[in-house]
Amino acid sequence: GFWDPLGLCKDEASFRDYRMKELKHGRLAMMGALGMLAQSLVQVPGMEGVPKSVNAIFVGNGLVGGVAVLALIGGLEAFVFVQDEQKEPGNFGNPV
């Protein structure tokens, strides 16, 4: 069975769906936090004029870099990190 003390899930399939989403969003949050730390320490060549803050996405090359990162994330999400229904939630195997 599954443990749902608040009664948010109708059945085990919806519980599995929520579990997959919880794991994916948790991993994205950790990657985002690491990215914010990395951007304050490392400057990518060609991005010297971009501020080292959250506003970087709105300034010149920062906007181009932001669009490129979002396109990369979208491609990975759509084609590489696809959940196999035969495996437990969050297990994507070795994508390499």
PDB file of N, CA and C in Angstrom:
ATOM      1  N   GLY A   1       0.812  -1.185   0.000  1.00  0.00           N
ATOM      2  CA  GLY A   1       0.000   0.000   0.000  1.00  0.00           C
ATOM      3  C   GLY A   1       0.855   1.247   0.000  1.00  0.00           C
ATOM      4  N   PHE A   2       0.184   2.350   0.214  1.00  0.00           N
ATOM      5  CA  PHE A   2       0.874   3.629   0.249  1.00  0.00           C
ATOM      6  C   PHE A   2       0.344   4.440   1.420  1.00  0.00           C
ATOM      7  N   TRP A   3       1.177   5.328   1.923  1.00  0.00           N
ATOM      8  CA  TRP A   3       0.847   6.108   3.100  1.00  0.00           C
ATOM      9  C   TRP A   3       0.438   7.501   2.655  1.00  0.00           C
ATOM     10  N   ASP A   4      -0.816   7.871   2.878  1.00  0.00           N
ATOM     11  CA  ASP A   4      -1.344   9.173   2.487  1.00  0.00           C
ATOM     12  C   ASP A   4      -2.245   9.686   3.604  1.00  0.00           C
ATOM     13  N   PRO A   5      -1.655  10.239   4.685  1.00  0.00           N
ATOM     14  CA  PRO A   5      -2.459  10.640   5.840  1.00  0.00           C
ATOM     15  C   PRO A   5      -3.427  11.793   5.553  1.00  0.00           C
ATOM     16  N   LEU A   6      -3.161  12.627   4.548  1.00  0.00           N
ATOM     17  CA  LEU A   6      -4.050  13.746   4.238  1.00  0.00           C
ATOM     18  C   LEU A   6      -5.120  13.389   3.213  1.00  0.00           C
ATOM     19  N   GLY A   7      -5.032  12.206   2.639  1.00  0.00           N
ATOM     20  CA  GLY A   7      -6.031  11.781   1.670  1.00  0.00           C
ATOM     21  C   GLY A   7      -5.976  12.544   0.360  1.00  0.00           C
ATOM     22  N   LEU A   8      -4.786  12.936  -0.093  1.00  0.00           N
ATOM     23  CA  LEU A   8      -4.639  13.696  -1.333  1.00  0.00           C
ATOM     24  C   LEU A   8      -4.727  12.820  -2.579  1.00  0.00           C
ATOM     25  N   CYS A   9      -4.515  11.531  -2.441  1.00  0.00           N
ATOM     26  CA  CYS A   9      -4.496  10.618  -3.585  1.00  0.00           C
ATOM     27  C   CYS A   9      -5.757   9.757  -3.600  1.00  0.00           C
ATOM     28  N   LYS A  10      -6.311   9.601  -4.781  1.00  0.00           N
ATOM     29  CA  LYS A  10      -7.492   8.754  -4.918  1.00  0.00           C
ATOM     30  C   LYS A  10      -7.126   7.277  -4.937  1.00  0.00           C
ATOM     31  N   ASP A  11      -5.997   6.986  -5.561  1.00  0.00           N
ATOM     32  CA  ASP A  11      -5.575   5.599  -5.698  1.00  0.00           C
ATOM     33  C   ASP A  11      -4.050   5.541  -5.765  1.00  0.00           C
ATOM     34  N   GLU A  12      -3.518   4.356  -5.922  1.00  0.00           N
ATOM     35  CA  GLU A  12      -2.064   4.190  -5.936  1.00  0.00           C
ATOM     36  C   GLU A  12      -1.426   4.801  -7.181  1.00  0.00           C
ATOM     37  N   ALA A  13      -2.157   4.865  -8.301  1.00  0.00           N
ATOM     38  CA  ALA A  13      -1.615   5.469  -9.528  1.00  0.00           C
ATOM     39  C   ALA A  13      -1.391   6.971  -9.337  1.00  0.00           C
ATOM     40  N   SER A  14      -2.336   7.659  -8.701  1.00  0.00           N
ATOM     41  CA  SER A  14      -2.146   9.096  -8.466  1.00  0.00           C
ATOM     42  C   SER A  14      -1.031   9.326  -7.443  1.00  0.00           C
ATOM     43  N   PHE A  15      -0.891   8.413  -6.466  1.00  0.00           N
ATOM     44  CA  PHE A  15       0.210   8.506  -5.506  1.00  0.00           C
ATOM     45  C   PHE A  15       1.543   8.392  -6.235  1.00  0.00           C
ATOM     46  N   ARG A  16       1.649   7.458  -7.170  1.00  0.00           N
ATOM     47  CA  ARG A  16       2.872   7.266  -7.959  1.00  0.00           C
ATOM     48  C   ARG A  16       3.175   8.519  -8.777  1.00  0.00           C
ATOM     49  N   ASP A  17       2.138   9.117  -9.358  1.00  0.00           N
ATOM     50  CA  ASP A  17       2.308  10.339 -10.143  1.00  0.00           C
ATOM     51  C   ASP A  17       2.828  11.482  -9.273  1.00  0.00           C
ATOM     52  N   TYR A  18       2.232  11.666  -8.093  1.00  0.00           N
ATOM     53  CA  TYR A  18       2.707  12.699  -7.176  1.00  0.00           C
ATOM     54  C   TYR A  18       4.144  12.428  -6.737  1.00  0.00           C
ATOM     55  N   ARG A  19       4.471  11.178  -6.540  1.00  0.00           N
ATOM     56  CA  ARG A  19       5.823  10.800  -6.111  1.00  0.00           C
ATOM     57  C   ARG A  19       6.850  11.161  -7.190  1.00  0.00           C
ATOM     58  N   MET A  20       6.524  10.872  -8.459  1.00  0.00           N
ATOM     59  CA  MET A  20       7.424  11.221  -9.564  1.00  0.00           C
ATOM     60  C   MET A  20       7.627  12.733  -9.629  1.00  0.00           C
ATOM     61  N   LYS A  21       6.541  13.480  -9.485  1.00  0.00           N
ATOM     62  CA  LYS A  21       6.632  14.943  -9.549  1.00  0.00           C
ATOM     63  C   LYS A  21       7.423  15.502  -8.370  1.00  0.00           C
ATOM     64  N   GLU A  22       7.235  14.923  -7.186  1.00  0.00           N
ATOM     65  CA  GLU A  22       7.971  15.369  -6.006  1.00  0.00           C
ATOM     66  C   GLU A  22       9.477  15.176  -6.191  1.00  0.00           C
ATOM     67  N   LEU A  23       9.874  14.022  -6.677  1.00  0.00           N
ATOM     68  CA  LEU A  23      11.294  13.750  -6.897  1.00  0.00           C
ATOM     69  C   LEU A  23      11.885  14.666  -7.959  1.00  0.00           C
ATOM     70  N   LYS A  24      11.151  14.850  -9.059  1.00  0.00           N
ATOM     71  CA  LYS A  24      11.653  15.698 -10.146  1.00  0.00           C
ATOM     72  C   LYS A  24      11.808  17.145  -9.681  1.00  0.00           C
ATOM     73  N   HIS A  25      10.809  17.688  -8.985  1.00  0.00           N
ATOM     74  CA  HIS A  25      10.889  19.077  -8.541  1.00  0.00           C
ATOM     75  C   HIS A  25      11.944  19.257  -7.457  1.00  0.00           C
ATOM     76  N   GLY A  26      12.130  18.266  -6.604  1.00  0.00           N
ATOM     77  CA  GLY A  26      13.186  18.341  -5.604  1.00  0.00           C
ATOM     78  C   GLY A  26      14.565  18.384  -6.242  1.00  0.00           C
ATOM     79  N   ARG A  27      14.767  17.557  -7.254  1.00  0.00           N
ATOM     80  CA  ARG A  27      16.058  17.549  -7.955  1.00  0.00           C
ATOM     81  C   ARG A  27      16.289  18.859  -8.690  1.00  0.00           C
ATOM     82  N   LEU A  28      15.246  19.403  -9.307  1.00  0.00           N
ATOM     83  CA  LEU A  28      15.383  20.688  -9.993  1.00  0.00           C
ATOM     84  C   LEU A  28      15.717  21.810  -9.016  1.00  0.00           C
ATOM     85  N   ALA A  29      15.101  21.788  -7.845  1.00  0.00           N
ATOM     86  CA  ALA A  29      15.388  22.811  -6.842  1.00  0.00           C
ATOM     87  C   ALA A  29      16.847  22.727  -6.382  1.00  0.00           C
ATOM     88  N   MET A  30      17.354  21.505  -6.184  1.00  0.00           N
ATOM     89  CA  MET A  30      18.755  21.347  -5.790  1.00  0.00           C
ATOM     90  C   MET A  30      19.696  21.831  -6.893  1.00  0.00           C
ATOM     91  N   MET A  31      19.368  21.522  -8.151  1.00  0.00           N
ATOM     92  CA  MET A  31      20.210  21.976  -9.264  1.00  0.00           C
ATOM     93  C   MET A  31      20.161  23.492  -9.392  1.00  0.00           C
ATOM     94  N   GLY A  32      18.997  24.090  -9.167  1.00  0.00           N
ATOM     95  CA  GLY A  32      18.871  25.543  -9.223  1.00  0.00           C
ATOM     96  C   GLY A  32      19.688  26.226  -8.145  1.00  0.00           C
ATOM     97  N   ALA A  33      19.657  25.670  -6.934  1.00  0.00           N
ATOM     98  CA  ALA A  33      20.448  26.238  -5.840  1.00  0.00           C
ATOM     99  C   ALA A  33      21.937  26.132  -6.146  1.00  0.00           C
ATOM    100  N   LEU A  34      22.358  24.999  -6.684  1.00  0.00           N
ATOM    101  CA  LEU A  34      23.762  24.829  -7.063  1.00  0.00           C
ATOM    102  C   LEU A  34      24.141  25.799  -8.189  1.00  0.00           C
ATOM    103  N   GLY A  35      23.242  25.999  -9.143  1.00  0.00           N
ATOM    104  CA  GLY A  35      23.493  26.936 -10.232  1.00  0.00           C
ATOM    105  C   GLY A  35      23.646  28.366  -9.750  1.00  0.00           C
ATOM    106  N   MET A  36      22.813  28.772  -8.781  1.00  0.00           N
ATOM    107  CA  MET A  36      22.935  30.128  -8.226  1.00  0.00           C
ATOM    108  C   MET A  36      24.279  30.306  -7.522  1.00  0.00           C
ATOM    109  N   LEU A  37      24.729  29.281  -6.817  1.00  0.00           N
ATOM    110  CA  LEU A  37      26.029  29.349  -6.155  1.00  0.00           C
ATOM    111  C   LEU A  37      27.148  29.398  -7.194  1.00  0.00           C
ATOM    112  N   ALA A  38      27.058  28.553  -8.212  1.00  0.00           N
ATOM    113  CA  ALA A  38      28.115  28.482  -9.227  1.00  0.00           C
ATOM    114  C   ALA A  38      28.234  29.791 -10.002  1.00  0.00           C
ATOM    115  N   GLN A  39      27.103  30.427 -10.325  1.00  0.00           N
ATOM    116  CA  GLN A  39      27.183  31.655 -11.106  1.00  0.00           C
ATOM    117  C   GLN A  39      27.804  32.805 -10.320  1.00  0.00           C
ATOM    118  N   SER A  40      27.760  32.732  -9.001  1.00  0.00           N
ATOM    119  CA  SER A  40      28.395  33.780  -8.210  1.00  0.00           C
ATOM    120  C   SER A  40      29.904  33.571  -8.097  1.00  0.00           C
ATOM    121  N   LEU A  41      30.376  32.355  -8.394  1.00  0.00           N
ATOM    122  CA  LEU A  41      31.792  32.046  -8.266  1.00  0.00           C
ATOM    123  C   LEU A  41      32.525  31.955  -9.603  1.00  0.00           C
ATOM    124  N   VAL A  42      31.838  31.512 -10.656  1.00  0.00           N
ATOM    125  CA  VAL A  42      32.474  31.239 -11.937  1.00  0.00           C
ATOM    126  C   VAL A  42      31.870  32.134 -13.015  1.00  0.00           C
ATOM    127  N   GLN A  43      32.712  32.763 -13.807  1.00  0.00           N
ATOM    128  CA  GLN A  43      32.244  33.607 -14.907  1.00  0.00           C
ATOM    129  C   GLN A  43      32.535  32.893 -16.223  1.00  0.00           C
ATOM    130  N   VAL A  44      31.512  32.633 -17.009  1.00  0.00           N
ATOM    131  CA  VAL A  44      31.658  31.973 -18.298  1.00  0.00           C
ATOM    132  C   VAL A  44      32.258  32.973 -19.296  1.00  0.00           C
ATOM    133  N   PRO A  45      33.222  32.568 -20.127  1.00  0.00           N
ATOM    134  CA  PRO A  45      33.796  33.494 -21.113  1.00  0.00           C
ATOM    135  C   PRO A  45      32.712  34.068 -22.029  1.00  0.00           C
ATOM    136  N   GLY A  46      32.787  35.370 -22.260  1.00  0.00           N
ATOM    137  CA  GLY A  46      31.793  36.058 -23.087  1.00  0.00           C
ATOM    138  C   GLY A  46      30.666  36.662 -22.266  1.00  0.00           C
ATOM    139  N   MET A  47      30.645  36.386 -20.971  1.00  0.00           N
ATOM    140  CA  MET A  47      29.580  36.891 -20.102  1.00  0.00           C
ATOM    141  C   MET A  47      30.118  37.889 -19.075  1.00  0.00           C
ATOM    142  N   GLU A  48      31.211  38.561 -19.425  1.00  0.00           N
ATOM    143  CA  GLU A  48      31.849  39.464 -18.465  1.00  0.00           C
ATOM    144  C   GLU A  48      30.955  40.635 -18.075  1.00  0.00           C
ATOM    145  N   GLY A  49      30.119  41.133 -18.980  1.00  0.00           N
ATOM    146  CA  GLY A  49      29.271  42.286 -18.687  1.00  0.00           C
ATOM    147  C   GLY A  49      27.960  41.926 -18.022  1.00  0.00           C
ATOM    148  N   VAL A  50      27.734  40.659 -17.792  1.00  0.00           N
ATOM    149  CA  VAL A  50      26.469  40.213 -17.199  1.00  0.00           C
ATOM    150  C   VAL A  50      26.580  40.267 -15.677  1.00  0.00           C
ATOM    151  N   PRO A  51      25.577  40.848 -15.000  1.00  0.00           N
ATOM    152  CA  PRO A  51      25.657  40.915 -13.533  1.00  0.00           C
ATOM    153  C   PRO A  51      25.614  39.533 -12.889  1.00  0.00           C
ATOM    154  N   LYS A  52      26.205  39.421 -11.707  1.00  0.00           N
ATOM    155  CA  LYS A  52      26.233  38.136 -10.984  1.00  0.00           C
ATOM    156  C   LYS A  52      25.080  38.090  -9.989  1.00  0.00           C
ATOM    157  N   SER A  53      23.887  38.223 -10.497  1.00  0.00           N
ATOM    158  CA  SER A  53      22.703  38.183  -9.642  1.00  0.00           C
ATOM    159  C   SER A  53      21.568  37.529 -10.426  1.00  0.00           C
ATOM    160  N   VAL A  54      20.397  37.516  -9.832  1.00  0.00           N
ATOM    161  CA  VAL A  54      19.232  36.926 -10.488  1.00  0.00           C
ATOM    162  C   VAL A  54      18.844  37.735 -11.730  1.00  0.00           C
ATOM    163  N   ASN A  55      19.234  38.988 -11.789  1.00  0.00           N
ATOM    164  CA  ASN A  55      18.910  39.848 -12.933  1.00  0.00           C
ATOM    165  C   ASN A  55      19.716  39.512 -14.178  1.00  0.00           C
ATOM    166  N   ALA A  56      20.634  38.568 -14.094  1.00  0.00           N
ATOM    167  CA  ALA A  56      21.480  38.206 -15.234  1.00  0.00           C
ATOM    168  C   ALA A  56      20.647  37.740 -16.424  1.00  0.00           C
ATOM    169  N   ILE A  57      19.508  37.125 -16.187  1.00  0.00           N
ATOM    170  CA  ILE A  57      18.681  36.583 -17.263  1.00  0.00           C
ATOM    171  C   ILE A  57      18.062  37.693 -18.116  1.00  0.00           C
ATOM    172  N   PHE A  58      18.063  38.929 -17.622  1.00  0.00           N
ATOM    173  CA  PHE A  58      17.417  40.030 -18.338  1.00  0.00           C
ATOM    174  C   PHE A  58      18.398  40.933 -19.083  1.00  0.00           C
ATOM    175  N   VAL A  59      19.690  40.622 -19.048  1.00  0.00           N
ATOM    176  CA  VAL A  59      20.698  41.520 -19.612  1.00  0.00           C
ATOM    177  C   VAL A  59      21.466  40.846 -20.741  1.00  0.00           C
ATOM    178  N   GLY A  60      21.427  41.401 -21.934  1.00  0.00           N
ATOM    179  CA  GLY A  60      22.233  41.013 -23.090  1.00  0.00           C
ATOM    180  C   GLY A  60      22.553  39.542 -23.241  1.00  0.00           C
ATOM    181  N   ASN A  61      23.843  39.202 -23.063  1.00  0.00           N
ATOM    182  CA  ASN A  61      24.291  37.823 -23.215  1.00  0.00           C
ATOM    183  C   ASN A  61      23.663  36.893 -22.182  1.00  0.00           C
ATOM    184  N   GLY A  62      23.281  37.432 -21.043  1.00  0.00           N
ATOM    185  CA  GLY A  62      22.618  36.623 -20.031  1.00  0.00           C
ATOM    186  C   GLY A  62      21.294  36.088 -20.539  1.00  0.00           C
ATOM    187  N   LEU A  63      20.586  36.882 -21.329  1.00  0.00           N
ATOM    188  CA  LEU A  63      19.322  36.442 -21.916  1.00  0.00           C
ATOM    189  C   LEU A  63      19.558  35.318 -22.922  1.00  0.00           C
ATOM    190  N   VAL A  64      20.593  35.466 -23.740  1.00  0.00           N
ATOM    191  CA  VAL A  64      20.932  34.420 -24.721  1.00  0.00           C
ATOM    192  C   VAL A  64      21.331  33.129 -23.992  1.00  0.00           C
ATOM    193  N   GLY A  65      22.152  33.267 -22.965  1.00  0.00           N
ATOM    194  CA  GLY A  65      22.551  32.094 -22.186  1.00  0.00           C
ATOM    195  C   GLY A  65      21.374  31.447 -21.476  1.00  0.00           C
ATOM    196  N   GLY A  66      20.467  32.271 -20.957  1.00  0.00           N
ATOM    197  CA  GLY A  66      19.288  31.749 -20.278  1.00  0.00           C
ATOM    198  C   GLY A  66      18.383  30.962 -21.213  1.00  0.00           C
ATOM    199  N   VAL A  67      18.186  31.483 -22.426  1.00  0.00           N
ATOM    200  CA  VAL A  67      17.374  30.773 -23.424  1.00  0.00           C
ATOM    201  C   VAL A  67      18.045  29.460 -23.819  1.00  0.00           C
ATOM    202  N   ALA A  68      19.371  29.477 -23.974  1.00  0.00           N
ATOM    203  CA  ALA A  68      20.097  28.247 -24.314  1.00  0.00           C
ATOM    204  C   ALA A  68      19.979  27.204 -23.202  1.00  0.00           C
ATOM    205  N   VAL A  69      20.087  27.631 -21.962  1.00  0.00           N
ATOM    206  CA  VAL A  69      19.962  26.696 -20.833  1.00  0.00           C
ATOM    207  C   VAL A  69      18.546  26.126 -20.770  1.00  0.00           C
ATOM    208  N   LEU A  70      17.532  26.970 -20.946  1.00  0.00           N
ATOM    209  CA  LEU A  70      16.152  26.486 -20.936  1.00  0.00           C
ATOM    210  C   LEU A  70      15.888  25.505 -22.077  1.00  0.00           C
ATOM    211  N   ALA A  71      16.468  25.759 -23.263  1.00  0.00           N
ATOM    212  CA  ALA A  71      16.316  24.824 -24.381  1.00  0.00           C
ATOM    213  C   ALA A  71      16.997  23.491 -24.066  1.00  0.00           C
ATOM    214  N   LEU A  72      18.163  23.537 -23.464  1.00  0.00           N
ATOM    215  CA  LEU A  72      18.865  22.313 -23.075  1.00  0.00           C
ATOM    216  C   LEU A  72      18.051  21.521 -22.049  1.00  0.00           C
ATOM    217  N   ILE A  73      17.531  22.217 -21.044  1.00  0.00           N
ATOM    218  CA  ILE A  73      16.719  21.549 -20.020  1.00  0.00           C
ATOM    219  C   ILE A  73      15.474  20.936 -20.648  1.00  0.00           C
ATOM    220  N   GLY A  74      14.822  21.659 -21.560  1.00  0.00           N
ATOM    221  CA  GLY A  74      13.634  21.138 -22.230  1.00  0.00           C
ATOM    222  C   GLY A  74      13.938  19.887 -23.039  1.00  0.00           C
ATOM    223  N   GLY A  75      15.062  19.888 -23.747  1.00  0.00           N
ATOM    224  CA  GLY A  75      15.454  18.709 -24.521  1.00  0.00           C
ATOM    225  C   GLY A  75      15.741  17.511 -23.632  1.00  0.00           C
ATOM    226  N   LEU A  76      16.467  17.742 -22.551  1.00  0.00           N
ATOM    227  CA  LEU A  76      16.757  16.646 -21.617  1.00  0.00           C
ATOM    228  C   LEU A  76      15.471  16.099 -21.003  1.00  0.00           C
ATOM    229  N   GLU A  77      14.578  17.007 -20.638  1.00  0.00           N
ATOM    230  CA  GLU A  77      13.319  16.608 -20.015  1.00  0.00           C
ATOM    231  C   GLU A  77      12.448  15.794 -20.971  1.00  0.00           C
ATOM    232  N   ALA A  78      12.437  16.186 -22.238  1.00  0.00           N
ATOM    233  CA  ALA A  78      11.557  15.533 -23.213  1.00  0.00           C
ATOM    234  C   ALA A  78      12.118  14.227 -23.763  1.00  0.00           C
ATOM    235  N   PHE A  79      13.450  14.129 -23.875  1.00  0.00           N
ATOM    236  CA  PHE A  79      14.013  12.984 -24.591  1.00  0.00           C
ATOM    237  C   PHE A  79      14.932  12.079 -23.770  1.00  0.00           C
ATOM    238  N   VAL A  80      15.546  12.591 -22.710  1.00  0.00           N
ATOM    239  CA  VAL A  80      16.507  11.778 -21.955  1.00  0.00           C
ATOM    240  C   VAL A  80      15.905  11.279 -20.645  1.00  0.00           C
ATOM    241  N   PHE A  81      15.397  12.195 -19.841  1.00  0.00           N
ATOM    242  CA  PHE A  81      14.882  11.825 -18.523  1.00  0.00           C
ATOM    243  C   PHE A  81      13.384  11.538 -18.589  1.00  0.00           C
ATOM    244  N   VAL A  82      13.038  10.483 -19.284  1.00  0.00           N
ATOM    245  CA  VAL A  82      11.647  10.058 -19.410  1.00  0.00           C
ATOM    246  C   VAL A  82      11.427   8.897 -18.445  1.00  0.00           C
ATOM    247  N   GLN A  83      10.393   9.007 -17.635  1.00  0.00           N
ATOM    248  CA  GLN A  83      10.130   7.986 -16.618  1.00  0.00           C
ATOM    249  C   GLN A  83       9.615   6.704 -17.264  1.00  0.00           C
ATOM    250  N   ASP A  84      10.288   5.592 -16.977  1.00  0.00           N
ATOM    251  CA  ASP A  84       9.849   4.270 -17.431  1.00  0.00           C
ATOM    252  C   ASP A  84       8.829   3.752 -16.425  1.00  0.00           C
ATOM    253  N   GLU A  85       7.664   3.383 -16.888  1.00  0.00           N
ATOM    254  CA  GLU A  85       6.600   2.928 -15.996  1.00  0.00           C
ATOM    255  C   GLU A  85       6.949   1.618 -15.283  1.00  0.00           C
ATOM    256  N   GLN A  86       7.926   0.867 -15.806  1.00  0.00           N
ATOM    257  CA  GLN A  86       8.330  -0.400 -15.186  1.00  0.00           C
ATOM    258  C   GLN A  86       9.271  -0.199 -13.997  1.00  0.00           C
ATOM    259  N   LYS A  87       9.867   0.997 -13.886  1.00  0.00           N
ATOM    260  CA  LYS A  87      10.816   1.282 -12.807  1.00  0.00           C
ATOM    261  C   LYS A  87      10.141   2.146 -11.737  1.00  0.00           C
ATOM    262  N   GLU A  88      10.755   2.157 -10.555  1.00  0.00           N
ATOM    263  CA  GLU A  88      10.211   2.981  -9.489  1.00  0.00           C
ATOM    264  C   GLU A  88      10.402   4.458  -9.817  1.00  0.00           C
ATOM    265  N   PRO A  89       9.543   5.321  -9.273  1.00  0.00           N
ATOM    266  CA  PRO A  89       9.634   6.758  -9.578  1.00  0.00           C
ATOM    267  C   PRO A  89      11.015   7.330  -9.267  1.00  0.00           C
ATOM    268  N   GLY A  90      11.528   8.128 -10.186  1.00  0.00           N
ATOM    269  CA  GLY A  90      12.832   8.758 -10.019  1.00  0.00           C
ATOM    270  C   GLY A  90      13.998   7.951 -10.527  1.00  0.00           C
ATOM    271  N   ASN A  91      13.787   6.697 -10.896  1.00  0.00           N
ATOM    272  CA  ASN A  91      14.870   5.853 -11.398  1.00  0.00           C
ATOM    273  C   ASN A  91      14.916   5.983 -12.926  1.00  0.00           C
ATOM    274  N   PHE A  92      15.877   6.748 -13.416  1.00  0.00           N
ATOM    275  CA  PHE A  92      16.030   6.935 -14.855  1.00  0.00           C
ATOM    276  C   PHE A  92      17.157   6.076 -15.411  1.00  0.00           C
ATOM    277  N   GLY A  93      17.739   5.226 -14.575  1.00  0.00           N
ATOM    278  CA  GLY A  93      18.858   4.406 -15.035  1.00  0.00           C
ATOM    279  C   GLY A  93      20.068   5.295 -15.250  1.00  0.00           C
ATOM    280  N   ASN A  94      20.969   4.868 -16.060  1.00  0.00           N
ATOM    281  CA  ASN A  94      22.161   5.636 -16.397  1.00  0.00           C
ATOM    282  C   ASN A  94      21.932   6.289 -17.752  1.00  0.00           C
ATOM    283  N   PRO A  95      21.669   7.623 -17.804  1.00  0.00           N
ATOM    284  CA  PRO A  95      21.343   8.272 -19.072  1.00  0.00           C
ATOM    285  C   PRO A  95      22.523   8.393 -20.028  1.00  0.00           C
ATOM    286  N   VAL A  96      23.735   8.136 -19.537  1.00  0.00           N
ATOM    287  CA  VAL A  96      24.917   8.270 -20.391  1.00  0.00           C
ATOM    288  C   VAL A  96      25.105   7.045 -21.164  1.00  0.00           C
TER     289      VAL A  96
END
